[in-house]
Amino acid sequence: MSTKSNILVTGCSSGFGLLITRTLLREGHTVFATMRAPGGRNAAIAEELTAFGGESPGTVHVLEMDVTEENSVQHAVTAAHNIAGGLDVVVNNAGIGCGGFAEAFTVEQYQQIFDINVFGVQRVNRAVLPSMRAAGKGLLLFVSSVMGRVVIPFGGPYTATKYALEGLVESYRYELAGTGVDVATVEPGGFLTGFADRLMTPGDPERQASYGPLAELPEKMWGGFIEQLGSGGAPDPQEVAAAVSELIGTPAGQRPLRTVVDPMMGGEGPRALNRASDEIQAHLLGELGMAAFRSVR
């Protein structure tokens, strides 16, 4: 992969996506910053990113993409290809969180969060992979979460999507191993990025209220956690953007499957689970006669 890459990032209107885009522009890359409604409710941030790109070594193209819409995804990817001639890196970052009792979220809400956090990733993957495989190179990079490895109460739907994403990503890692396309994941811990301001809340508040005195626990837990993140010495979300940048700059074939970025809690729990998973997978693959895949870890 060349030093300066053509990179598509999803979910760039705020949070990690915005930080990742700015970081990559400062490093001289060409970035296709995708978001919903860049000419509507996100017009101000789209204009800000365009101006930032004009003052940076890199080049930015703000594109409209709704990861829940097949046509929107394909249109944005086609536009990026027409402009740059191909994509070297795709950062699947778009996502939504939630807070509340798992039972109190409706089935429709589960469908919505999976549509963004999991099915949206698959739409993007299917749109970009044919050209990457044809080129024999590329990087699919995913912003997951430590909540895809450990469970924190009162975030059930989000946790379910990140566990699903982790399994999907690892499957792609094996299946793309012979194509020249790398697959890697960043697993952030807690960061104050505005993510908490957009948390999905239960669509059935009566069901949550039926827990009685326990019904206050989600708000207390998440409120305390967010307060802690906003206190002095809170972890800098730029660390996640830096981890993404480092993975992009790592030579092809040398990127680790998972990178934990959790300065608040230290990240040892997710790292321990990752190590255990590596050992179990290596044994399983050997038993299945797929020992060649052990080096894919």
Protein backbone atom coordinates (compact mmCIF):
# COMPACT_ATOMS: atom_id res chain seq x y z
CA MET A 1 0.00 0.00 0.00
CA SER A 2 1.29 3.47 -0.88
CA THR A 3 2.20 5.96 1.84
CA LYS A 4 -0.70 8.21 0.90
CA SER A 5 -3.94 6.32 0.48
CA ASN A 6 -7.48 6.77 -0.79
CA ILE A 7 -9.59 6.17 2.33
CA LEU A 8 -13.36 6.00 2.81
CA VAL A 9 -14.66 6.60 6.34
CA THR A 10 -18.27 6.08 7.40
CA GLY A 11 -20.07 8.11 10.07
CA CYS A 12 -17.96 11.27 9.79
CA SER A 13 -20.45 13.82 11.10
CA SER A 14 -19.26 13.44 14.71
CA GLY A 15 -17.28 11.40 17.21
CA PHE A 16 -14.54 9.04 16.14
CA GLY A 17 -15.40 9.41 12.45
CA LEU A 18 -14.77 13.13 12.53
CA LEU A 19 -11.52 12.75 14.47
CA ILE A 20 -10.31 9.97 12.18
CA THR A 21 -11.03 12.09 9.10
CA ARG A 22 -9.16 15.10 10.44
CA THR A 23 -6.21 12.94 11.50
CA LEU A 24 -5.92 11.31 8.08
CA LEU A 25 -6.17 14.66 6.31
CA ARG A 26 -3.33 16.04 8.41
CA GLU A 27 -1.27 13.06 7.27
CA GLY A 28 -1.87 13.82 3.60
CA HIS A 29 -4.34 11.11 2.65
CA THR A 30 -7.30 11.52 0.32
CA VAL A 31 -10.37 10.97 2.50
CA PHE A 32 -13.92 10.29 1.41
CA ALA A 33 -15.82 11.44 4.48
CA THR A 34 -19.30 9.96 4.36
CA MET A 35 -22.32 10.99 6.40
CA ARG A 36 -26.06 11.33 6.18
CA ALA A 37 -27.55 14.60 4.90
CA PRO A 38 -24.36 16.61 4.23
CA GLY A 39 -26.56 19.15 2.47
CA GLY A 40 -29.15 19.12 5.25
CA ARG A 41 -28.84 18.71 9.00
CA ASN A 42 -25.12 17.94 8.73
CA ALA A 43 -24.37 20.80 6.34
CA ALA A 44 -22.40 22.77 8.92
CA ILE A 45 -20.02 19.90 9.71
CA ALA A 46 -19.69 19.08 6.00
CA GLU A 47 -18.64 22.66 5.32
CA GLU A 48 -16.26 22.60 8.31
CA LEU A 49 -14.62 19.41 7.04
CA THR A 50 -14.29 20.82 3.55
CA ALA A 51 -12.61 23.93 4.94
CA PHE A 52 -10.34 21.80 7.15
CA GLY A 53 -9.36 19.74 4.13
CA GLY A 54 -8.49 22.88 2.21
CA GLU A 55 -5.96 23.81 4.89
CA SER A 56 -4.53 20.28 5.28
CA PRO A 57 -1.94 18.31 3.30
CA GLY A 58 -4.63 15.82 2.34
CA THR A 59 -7.76 16.09 0.22
CA VAL A 60 -11.30 15.61 1.45
CA HIS A 61 -14.44 14.72 -0.47
CA VAL A 62 -17.62 14.81 1.60
CA LEU A 63 -20.10 12.24 0.30
CA GLU A 64 -23.62 11.38 1.35
CA MET A 65 -24.02 7.85 2.65
CA ASP A 66 -26.71 6.22 4.76
CA VAL A 67 -25.35 2.78 5.65
CA THR A 68 -28.92 1.49 6.07
CA GLU A 69 -29.68 2.15 2.39
CA GLU A 70 -28.14 -0.12 -0.26
CA ASN A 71 -28.41 2.45 -3.05
CA SER A 72 -26.89 5.18 -0.89
CA VAL A 73 -23.88 3.01 -0.04
CA GLN A 74 -23.32 1.94 -3.64
CA HIS A 75 -23.69 5.48 -4.94
CA ALA A 76 -21.08 6.84 -2.51
CA VAL A 77 -18.60 4.04 -3.24
CA THR A 78 -19.06 4.52 -6.98
CA ALA A 79 -18.49 8.26 -6.60
CA ALA A 80 -15.28 7.62 -4.64
CA HIS A 81 -14.04 5.24 -7.33
CA ASN A 82 -14.84 7.72 -10.07
CA ILE A 83 -12.88 10.43 -8.30
CA ALA A 84 -9.87 8.44 -7.07
CA GLY A 85 -9.83 5.39 -9.31
CA GLY A 86 -10.05 3.04 -6.35
CA LEU A 87 -10.03 2.74 -2.57
CA ASP A 88 -7.07 1.54 -0.52
CA VAL A 89 -8.72 1.63 2.91
CA VAL A 90 -12.28 1.58 4.23
CA VAL A 91 -12.94 2.52 7.87
CA ASN A 92 -16.30 1.14 9.00
CA ASN A 93 -17.07 3.52 11.84
CA ALA A 94 -20.78 4.46 11.61
CA GLY A 95 -22.75 3.24 14.61
CA ILE A 96 -25.28 3.97 17.31
CA GLY A 97 -25.38 3.08 21.02
CA CYS A 98 -28.14 2.50 23.55
CA GLY A 99 -28.83 2.54 27.26
CA GLY A 100 -31.55 0.78 29.21
CA PHE A 101 -32.96 -2.63 30.13
CA ALA A 102 -32.64 -5.06 27.24
CA GLU A 103 -36.26 -6.19 27.67
CA ALA A 104 -37.57 -2.63 27.28
CA PHE A 105 -36.18 -2.18 23.77
CA THR A 106 -38.67 -3.20 21.11
CA VAL A 107 -37.90 -5.69 18.36
CA GLU A 108 -38.07 -2.80 15.91
CA GLN A 109 -35.33 -1.02 17.87
CA TYR A 110 -33.16 -4.12 17.78
CA GLN A 111 -33.69 -4.25 14.03
CA GLN A 112 -32.72 -0.59 13.73
CA ILE A 113 -29.48 -0.87 15.71
CA PHE A 114 -28.46 -4.05 13.89
CA ASP A 115 -29.26 -2.37 10.58
CA ILE A 116 -26.75 0.38 11.36
CA ASN A 117 -24.05 -1.42 13.36
CA VAL A 118 -23.95 -4.77 11.54
CA PHE A 119 -25.95 -4.83 8.31
CA GLY A 120 -24.58 -1.39 7.40
CA VAL A 121 -21.07 -2.78 7.67
CA GLN A 122 -21.99 -5.66 5.39
CA ARG A 123 -23.46 -3.27 2.81
CA VAL A 124 -20.22 -1.29 2.74
CA ASN A 125 -18.08 -4.44 2.61
CA ARG A 126 -20.01 -5.80 -0.36
CA ALA A 127 -19.71 -2.49 -2.17
CA VAL A 128 -15.93 -2.14 -1.80
CA LEU A 129 -14.56 -5.68 -1.77
CA PRO A 130 -14.87 -6.65 -5.46
CA SER A 131 -12.48 -3.90 -6.56
CA MET A 132 -10.11 -4.52 -3.62
CA ARG A 133 -9.92 -8.22 -4.39
CA ALA A 134 -9.38 -7.47 -8.08
CA ALA A 135 -6.51 -5.15 -7.14
CA GLY A 136 -5.07 -7.73 -4.76
CA LYS A 137 -4.66 -5.20 -1.96
CA GLY A 138 -6.57 -3.07 0.53
CA LEU A 139 -7.57 -2.74 4.16
CA LEU A 140 -10.96 -3.15 5.80
CA LEU A 141 -10.77 -1.46 9.20
CA PHE A 142 -13.58 -1.63 11.74
CA VAL A 143 -14.29 0.52 14.79
CA SER A 144 -15.80 -1.98 17.23
CA SER A 145 -15.83 -1.67 21.04
CA VAL A 146 -14.57 -3.41 24.15
CA MET A 147 -18.29 -4.13 24.56
CA GLY A 148 -17.87 -6.59 21.74
CA ARG A 149 -15.67 -8.64 24.09
CA VAL A 150 -16.98 -7.88 27.61
CA VAL A 151 -20.50 -7.17 28.84
CA ILE A 152 -21.51 -3.99 30.66
CA PRO A 153 -25.13 -4.06 31.91
CA PHE A 154 -27.82 -1.87 30.38
CA GLY A 155 -26.42 -1.79 26.85
CA GLY A 156 -27.77 -5.12 25.60
CA PRO A 157 -28.74 -4.25 22.01
CA TYR A 158 -25.47 -2.40 21.40
CA THR A 159 -23.43 -5.20 22.97
CA ALA A 160 -25.23 -7.74 20.80
CA THR A 161 -24.32 -5.79 17.65
CA LYS A 162 -20.66 -5.49 18.63
CA TYR A 163 -20.41 -9.20 19.45
CA ALA A 164 -21.93 -9.87 16.03
CA LEU A 165 -19.48 -7.46 14.41
CA GLU A 166 -16.51 -9.15 16.06
CA GLY A 167 -17.58 -12.52 14.66
CA LEU A 168 -18.20 -11.06 11.22
CA VAL A 169 -14.82 -9.32 11.13
CA GLU A 170 -12.92 -12.44 12.18
CA SER A 171 -14.71 -14.44 9.48
CA TYR A 172 -13.64 -11.86 6.89
CA ARG A 173 -10.08 -12.00 8.24
CA TYR A 174 -9.86 -15.70 7.42
CA GLU A 175 -11.76 -15.59 4.16
CA LEU A 176 -9.81 -12.67 2.69
CA ALA A 177 -6.41 -13.97 3.79
CA GLY A 178 -5.51 -15.18 0.31
CA THR A 179 -6.70 -12.09 -1.54
CA GLY A 180 -4.24 -9.44 -0.37
CA VAL A 181 -6.97 -7.58 1.55
CA ASP A 182 -6.18 -7.03 5.25
CA VAL A 183 -8.84 -6.97 7.96
CA ALA A 184 -8.37 -5.31 11.37
CA THR A 185 -10.46 -4.00 14.26
CA VAL A 186 -10.01 -1.21 16.79
CA GLU A 187 -11.79 -1.84 20.10
CA PRO A 188 -12.26 1.47 21.97
CA GLY A 189 -13.16 1.67 25.63
CA GLY A 190 -14.97 4.64 27.16
CA PHE A 191 -14.46 8.04 25.54
CA LEU A 192 -16.49 11.26 25.64
CA THR A 193 -17.23 11.90 21.95
CA GLY A 194 -20.88 12.98 21.96
CA PHE A 195 -21.80 9.30 21.45
CA ALA A 196 -23.71 9.34 24.75
CA ASP A 197 -25.86 12.25 23.57
CA ARG A 198 -27.29 10.07 20.80
CA LEU A 199 -27.96 6.90 22.80
CA MET A 200 -31.08 5.01 21.82
CA THR A 201 -33.42 4.68 24.81
CA PRO A 202 -36.05 1.98 25.37
CA GLY A 203 -39.12 2.25 23.16
CA ASP A 204 -41.24 0.62 25.83
CA PRO A 205 -40.77 2.85 28.91
CA GLU A 206 -43.64 1.11 30.71
CA ARG A 207 -41.75 -2.18 30.49
CA GLN A 208 -38.70 -0.51 31.99
CA ALA A 209 -40.81 1.13 34.72
CA SER A 210 -42.15 -2.30 35.65
CA TYR A 211 -38.73 -3.07 37.14
CA GLY A 212 -39.74 -0.80 40.02
CA PRO A 213 -36.83 0.68 42.01
CA LEU A 214 -34.40 -1.10 39.68
CA ALA A 215 -35.67 0.98 36.74
CA GLU A 216 -33.38 3.83 37.77
CA LEU A 217 -30.23 1.74 37.47
CA PRO A 218 -29.48 2.36 33.77
CA GLU A 219 -29.63 6.14 34.14
CA LYS A 220 -27.52 6.04 37.30
CA MET A 221 -24.94 3.74 35.76
CA TRP A 222 -24.60 5.52 32.41
CA GLY A 223 -24.91 8.96 34.05
CA GLY A 224 -22.08 8.17 36.45
CA PHE A 225 -19.96 6.72 33.67
CA ILE A 226 -20.44 9.77 31.45
CA GLU A 227 -19.70 12.07 34.39
CA GLN A 228 -16.48 10.18 35.02
CA LEU A 229 -15.51 10.50 31.35
CA GLY A 230 -16.09 14.24 31.52
CA SER A 231 -13.95 14.73 34.60
CA GLY A 232 -10.37 15.94 34.64
CA GLY A 233 -7.89 13.55 33.12
CA ALA A 234 -10.54 11.86 30.96
CA PRO A 235 -9.17 9.74 28.10
CA ASP A 236 -8.57 11.59 24.83
CA PRO A 237 -10.64 10.15 21.94
CA GLN A 238 -7.81 11.19 19.64
CA GLU A 239 -6.11 8.01 20.83
CA VAL A 240 -8.61 6.00 18.78
CA ALA A 241 -7.93 8.07 15.66
CA ALA A 242 -4.21 7.57 16.27
CA ALA A 243 -4.69 3.79 16.50
CA VAL A 244 -6.58 3.82 13.20
CA SER A 245 -3.80 5.85 11.61
CA GLU A 246 -1.15 3.48 12.94
CA LEU A 247 -2.94 0.44 11.52
CA ILE A 248 -3.25 2.14 8.14
CA GLY A 249 0.47 2.86 8.19
CA THR A 250 1.41 -0.68 9.20
CA PRO A 251 2.71 -2.80 6.30
CA ALA A 252 0.20 -5.15 4.71
CA GLY A 253 0.12 -8.58 6.29
CA GLN A 254 1.51 -7.31 9.61
CA ARG A 255 -1.63 -5.76 11.09
CA PRO A 256 -3.06 -7.41 14.23
CA LEU A 257 -6.66 -8.57 14.10
CA ARG A 258 -7.67 -6.58 17.20
CA THR A 259 -6.27 -3.42 18.81
CA VAL A 260 -7.69 -2.42 22.21
CA VAL A 261 -7.69 1.31 23.03
CA ASP A 262 -8.96 1.68 26.58
CA PRO A 263 -6.93 4.12 28.69
CA MET A 264 -9.73 4.53 31.22
CA MET A 265 -9.98 0.87 32.30
CA GLY A 266 -6.61 -0.31 31.01
CA GLY A 267 -8.11 -2.76 28.54
CA GLU A 268 -6.59 -5.87 30.14
CA GLY A 269 -9.93 -7.71 30.23
CA PRO A 270 -10.55 -7.45 26.48
CA ARG A 271 -6.89 -8.17 25.75
CA ALA A 272 -7.01 -11.32 27.90
CA LEU A 273 -10.12 -12.48 26.06
CA ASN A 274 -8.45 -11.73 22.73
CA ARG A 275 -5.41 -13.81 23.70
CA ALA A 276 -7.62 -16.68 24.86
CA SER A 277 -9.61 -16.47 21.64
CA ASP A 278 -6.41 -16.64 19.60
CA GLU A 279 -5.32 -19.83 21.40
CA ILE A 280 -8.72 -21.48 21.09
CA GLN A 281 -9.03 -20.56 17.42
CA ALA A 282 -5.55 -21.90 16.65
CA HIS A 283 -6.46 -25.22 18.27
CA LEU A 284 -9.85 -25.36 16.54
CA LEU A 285 -8.41 -24.61 13.12
CA GLY A 286 -5.80 -27.32 13.60
CA GLU A 287 -8.47 -29.84 14.56
CA LEU A 288 -10.46 -28.89 11.46
CA GLY A 289 -7.49 -29.40 9.19
CA MET A 290 -7.16 -25.65 8.59
CA ALA A 291 -3.81 -25.11 10.31
CA ALA A 292 -2.74 -22.77 7.50
CA PHE A 293 -5.19 -20.20 8.87
CA ARG A 294 -3.37 -20.05 12.23
CA SER A 295 -0.98 -17.44 10.83
CA VAL A 296 -3.92 -15.21 9.93
CA ARG A 297 -4.29 -14.17 13.58
